[in-house]
């Protein structure tokens, strides 16, 4: 079989590793960064593309590479990418499968503030920290960091980002002081997250409802145990997914393939 796997997440890495167990499979991984491309290649991708693709690009690739199935394993917040993938698959006449991690299991707490956008989250975050003489921990990805710093002030934000040149450069470009940057890769225990929040005098956190694979539960539970408010950006709804296959595990994917 011949696949396109839209990559850039830990979920995509699992998908590629699974598909590559069959040496007869051709796996074309698409990402938007060189860093993501290296991870996809290490996972077993046959070929990697490391720049953003438009609908016509996907359709051309599907035809040129004789693709049978497109597996969309992008982040739950990459709604535009998912819509593009669905439309491309439909027009090219191939199977589309959405691999999406399960939603975060959240405790009941008055300290959790659900918001629908980064803009709304920035306003709420500023409100929460401005009278508390502390900082906001940004756990919601580097690409949207500027939406937070523009409102809260870069000196008041402690972003946790991946330890690569792209992420650190994007962070510094927002004006965040180097001393505020926490560069780490992977998911960590509640206790470890608590230690970081104490060290940086965090008075609120902002994160995305990214699911268990993104470590959101440990981040949120760490903040709640310390009595720190959580600004939670909820997942966008992609209406086009209603009529398409969605799986949440490799076992489910195996059954669908």
Protein backbone atom coordinates (compact mmCIF):
# COMPACT_ATOMS: atom_id res chain seq x y z
CA UNK A 1 0.00 0.00 0.00
CA UNK A 2 1.02 3.60 -0.59
CA UNK A 3 0.33 6.21 2.08
CA UNK A 4 0.62 9.89 2.79
CA UNK A 5 0.97 10.53 6.53
CA UNK A 6 0.50 14.12 7.60
CA UNK A 7 3.03 14.33 10.41
CA UNK A 8 4.54 16.60 13.04
CA UNK A 9 3.06 14.95 16.16
CA UNK A 10 3.91 12.02 18.40
CA UNK A 11 0.78 10.35 17.02
CA UNK A 12 2.18 10.57 13.49
CA UNK A 13 5.42 8.98 14.65
CA UNK A 14 3.45 6.01 16.01
CA UNK A 15 1.54 5.72 12.73
CA UNK A 16 4.72 5.76 10.62
CA UNK A 17 6.43 3.22 12.86
CA UNK A 18 3.40 0.94 12.53
CA UNK A 19 3.14 1.26 8.74
CA UNK A 20 6.86 0.77 8.23
CA UNK A 21 6.68 -2.68 9.82
CA UNK A 22 5.51 -3.83 6.39
CA UNK A 23 8.47 -3.26 4.10
CA UNK A 24 6.17 -3.26 1.08
CA UNK A 25 4.47 -0.05 2.22
CA UNK A 26 5.45 3.29 0.71
CA UNK A 27 5.11 6.10 3.29
CA UNK A 28 5.31 9.73 2.24
CA UNK A 29 5.41 11.90 5.38
CA UNK A 30 4.54 15.59 5.15
CA UNK A 31 5.55 18.12 7.83
CA UNK A 32 6.04 21.88 8.00
CA UNK A 33 9.50 21.84 9.62
CA UNK A 34 12.88 20.19 9.02
CA UNK A 35 12.78 19.02 12.64
CA UNK A 36 9.49 17.21 12.05
CA UNK A 37 10.90 15.74 8.88
CA UNK A 38 13.89 14.23 10.69
CA UNK A 39 11.58 12.60 13.24
CA UNK A 40 9.38 11.17 10.46
CA UNK A 41 12.43 9.83 8.65
CA UNK A 42 13.74 8.21 11.83
CA UNK A 43 10.32 6.62 12.38
CA UNK A 44 10.58 4.86 9.02
CA UNK A 45 9.09 7.17 6.40
CA UNK A 46 10.10 6.29 2.84
CA UNK A 47 10.11 9.92 1.73
CA UNK A 48 9.63 13.23 3.55
CA UNK A 49 8.38 16.66 2.50
CA UNK A 50 9.14 19.49 4.95
CA UNK A 51 7.07 22.46 3.88
CA UNK A 52 3.41 23.45 3.93
CA UNK A 53 1.25 22.03 1.14
CA UNK A 54 -1.85 23.47 -0.46
CA UNK A 55 -4.81 21.45 -1.71
CA UNK A 56 -3.50 21.28 -5.27
CA UNK A 57 -0.10 20.12 -3.95
CA UNK A 58 -1.71 17.21 -2.13
CA UNK A 59 -3.78 16.25 -5.16
CA UNK A 60 -0.70 16.29 -7.39
CA UNK A 61 1.25 14.18 -4.89
CA UNK A 62 -1.58 11.68 -4.62
CA UNK A 63 -1.61 11.22 -8.39
CA UNK A 64 2.16 11.36 -8.93
CA UNK A 65 2.94 8.89 -6.12
CA UNK A 66 -0.09 6.65 -6.70
CA UNK A 67 -1.26 7.12 -3.12
CA UNK A 68 -4.02 4.82 -1.84
CA UNK A 69 -4.72 6.34 1.59
CA UNK A 70 -4.10 9.65 3.33
CA UNK A 71 -3.70 9.41 7.11
CA UNK A 72 -4.08 12.76 8.81
CA UNK A 73 -2.19 12.63 12.12
CA UNK A 74 -1.77 16.38 12.55
CA UNK A 75 -2.35 18.14 15.86
CA UNK A 76 -5.99 18.45 17.02
CA UNK A 77 -5.66 22.22 16.63
CA UNK A 78 -4.49 22.05 13.01
CA UNK A 79 -8.06 22.47 11.74
CA UNK A 80 -7.09 24.11 8.45
CA UNK A 81 -4.66 21.30 7.63
CA UNK A 82 -7.35 18.72 8.36
CA UNK A 83 -9.88 20.49 6.15
CA UNK A 84 -7.32 20.65 3.34
CA UNK A 85 -6.55 16.95 3.71
CA UNK A 86 -10.21 15.97 3.57
CA UNK A 87 -10.90 18.07 0.50
CA UNK A 88 -7.78 16.81 -1.27
CA UNK A 89 -8.64 13.18 -0.57
CA UNK A 90 -12.21 13.62 -1.77
CA UNK A 91 -11.16 15.28 -5.02
CA UNK A 92 -8.45 12.70 -5.66
CA UNK A 93 -10.82 9.83 -4.87
CA UNK A 94 -8.73 8.11 -2.16
CA UNK A 95 -9.41 6.96 1.40
CA UNK A 96 -9.02 9.53 4.20
CA UNK A 97 -8.42 8.49 7.82
CA UNK A 98 -8.13 10.90 10.72
CA UNK A 99 -5.87 9.70 13.55
CA UNK A 100 -6.65 11.91 16.53
CA UNK A 101 -5.64 11.45 20.14
CA UNK A 102 -8.39 11.15 22.75
CA UNK A 103 -9.57 14.28 24.53
CA UNK A 104 -8.04 15.35 27.82
CA UNK A 105 -9.79 14.00 30.93
CA UNK A 106 -10.31 17.06 33.09
CA UNK A 107 -11.19 17.28 36.77
CA UNK A 108 -14.01 19.50 37.95
CA UNK A 109 -12.46 22.77 39.08
CA UNK A 110 -13.39 26.43 39.31
CA UNK A 111 -9.75 27.18 38.45
CA UNK A 112 -10.20 25.97 34.86
CA UNK A 113 -11.27 28.68 32.41
CA UNK A 114 -12.33 27.37 28.99
CA UNK A 115 -11.76 29.72 26.05
CA UNK A 116 -12.29 29.28 22.33
CA UNK A 117 -9.25 31.10 20.93
CA UNK A 118 -5.76 32.34 21.70
CA UNK A 119 -7.03 35.92 21.61
CA UNK A 120 -9.63 35.18 24.26
CA UNK A 121 -7.06 33.21 26.23
CA UNK A 122 -4.60 36.11 26.20
CA UNK A 123 -7.15 38.48 27.70
CA UNK A 124 -8.10 36.02 30.44
CA UNK A 125 -4.44 35.25 31.20
CA UNK A 126 -3.59 38.91 31.65
CA UNK A 127 -6.53 39.31 33.99
CA UNK A 128 -5.36 36.38 36.11
CA UNK A 129 -1.72 37.41 36.57
CA UNK A 130 -1.77 41.23 36.60
CA UNK A 131 -2.60 41.48 40.32
CA UNK A 132 -0.63 38.43 41.49
CA UNK A 133 3.00 39.53 41.00
CA UNK A 134 3.88 36.43 39.00
CA UNK A 135 4.21 35.06 35.51
CA UNK A 136 2.13 33.18 32.96
CA UNK A 137 3.41 29.80 31.80
CA UNK A 138 2.68 29.32 28.12
CA UNK A 139 2.20 25.65 27.25
CA UNK A 140 0.30 26.12 24.01
CA UNK A 141 2.89 25.97 21.25
CA UNK A 142 5.39 28.43 19.84
CA UNK A 143 3.51 29.40 16.67
CA UNK A 144 0.77 31.22 18.58
CA UNK A 145 2.99 32.59 21.34
CA UNK A 146 2.94 36.11 19.88
CA UNK A 147 -0.82 36.29 20.38
CA UNK A 148 -0.21 35.91 24.10
CA UNK A 149 2.87 38.13 24.50
CA UNK A 150 1.23 41.02 22.64
CA UNK A 151 -1.43 41.19 25.35
CA UNK A 152 0.30 39.89 28.48
CA UNK A 153 3.76 41.35 27.77
CA UNK A 154 6.75 39.17 26.78
CA UNK A 155 8.54 39.78 30.08
CA UNK A 156 5.60 38.22 31.94
CA UNK A 157 5.51 34.98 29.93
CA UNK A 158 7.44 31.77 30.59
CA UNK A 159 7.02 29.60 27.48
CA UNK A 160 7.88 25.91 27.43
CA UNK A 161 9.11 25.12 23.92
CA UNK A 162 10.97 22.41 22.05
CA UNK A 163 14.79 22.59 22.34
CA UNK A 164 15.48 23.36 18.68
CA UNK A 165 16.61 26.46 16.78
CA UNK A 166 13.21 27.05 15.17
CA UNK A 167 11.28 27.12 18.46
CA UNK A 168 13.81 29.14 20.41
CA UNK A 169 14.24 31.69 17.60
CA UNK A 170 10.46 32.11 17.25
CA UNK A 171 10.24 32.63 21.01
CA UNK A 172 13.01 35.23 21.13
CA UNK A 173 11.37 37.05 18.21
CA UNK A 174 8.34 37.74 20.43
CA UNK A 175 10.56 39.59 22.91
CA UNK A 176 10.49 36.93 25.62
CA UNK A 177 13.75 37.17 27.65
CA UNK A 178 16.07 34.19 27.26
CA UNK A 179 15.93 33.64 31.02
CA UNK A 180 12.20 32.94 30.74
CA UNK A 181 12.51 30.18 28.11
CA UNK A 182 12.09 26.58 29.26
CA UNK A 183 13.34 24.41 26.39
CA UNK A 184 12.27 20.79 26.89
CA UNK A 185 11.11 17.86 24.78
CA UNK A 186 8.65 15.20 25.85
CA UNK A 187 5.93 14.81 28.46
CA UNK A 188 6.65 14.94 32.17
CA UNK A 189 5.11 13.93 35.47
CA UNK A 190 2.80 16.10 37.52
CA UNK A 191 5.54 16.49 40.14
CA UNK A 192 8.08 17.68 37.59
CA UNK A 193 5.62 20.22 36.19
CA UNK A 194 4.88 21.46 39.71
CA UNK A 195 8.59 22.01 40.36
CA UNK A 196 8.96 24.16 37.24
CA UNK A 197 5.88 26.23 38.10
CA UNK A 198 7.22 26.89 41.59
CA UNK A 199 10.68 27.79 40.28
CA UNK A 200 9.34 30.41 37.87
CA UNK A 201 6.71 31.86 40.25
CA UNK A 202 3.87 30.93 37.91
CA UNK A 203 0.47 32.42 38.78
CA UNK A 204 -1.47 31.09 35.75
CA UNK A 205 -0.91 28.70 32.85
CA UNK A 206 -2.34 28.64 29.36
CA UNK A 207 -2.50 25.37 27.47
CA UNK A 208 -4.42 23.63 24.73
CA UNK A 209 -6.81 20.73 25.14
CA UNK A 210 -4.31 18.61 23.27
CA UNK A 211 -5.07 15.23 24.80
CA UNK A 212 -3.07 12.63 26.68
CA UNK A 213 -0.31 12.42 24.06
CA UNK A 214 0.41 16.10 24.60
CA UNK A 215 0.78 15.71 28.36
CA UNK A 216 -2.02 18.19 29.04
CA UNK A 217 -3.42 16.25 31.97
CA UNK A 218 -0.18 16.32 33.96
CA UNK A 219 0.29 20.03 33.27
CA UNK A 220 -3.24 20.88 34.33
CA UNK A 221 -3.21 18.66 37.42
CA UNK A 222 0.12 20.15 38.50
CA UNK A 223 -1.29 23.67 38.28
CA UNK A 224 -4.49 22.76 40.10
CA UNK A 225 -2.60 21.12 42.97
CA UNK A 226 -0.68 24.36 43.43
CA UNK A 227 -3.89 26.42 43.23
CA UNK A 228 -2.81 27.96 39.90
CA UNK A 229 -5.58 28.94 37.44
CA UNK A 230 -5.64 27.19 34.07
CA UNK A 231 -6.66 28.91 30.84
CA UNK A 232 -7.65 26.06 28.54
CA UNK A 233 -8.06 26.58 24.80
CA UNK A 234 -10.65 24.07 23.62
CA UNK A 235 -10.30 22.04 20.43
CA UNK A 236 -11.70 23.53 17.23
CA UNK A 237 -14.60 21.70 15.65
CA UNK A 238 -13.99 20.44 12.10
CA UNK A 239 -17.42 19.88 10.59
CA UNK A 240 -16.04 17.96 7.60
CA UNK A 241 -14.84 15.17 9.88
CA UNK A 242 -18.39 14.08 10.67
CA UNK A 243 -18.57 11.94 7.54
CA UNK A 244 -15.08 10.45 7.67
CA UNK A 245 -13.22 7.71 9.48
CA UNK A 246 -11.61 8.70 12.78
CA UNK A 247 -9.39 6.41 14.87
CA UNK A 248 -7.77 7.02 18.24
CA UNK A 249 -5.26 4.18 18.48
CA UNK A 250 -2.98 2.02 16.38
CA UNK A 251 -5.28 -0.96 16.99
CA UNK A 252 -8.23 0.98 15.56
CA UNK A 253 -6.09 2.06 12.61
CA UNK A 254 -5.06 -1.55 11.96
CA UNK A 255 -8.72 -2.56 11.81
CA UNK A 256 -9.59 0.21 9.36
CA UNK A 257 -6.70 -0.63 7.07
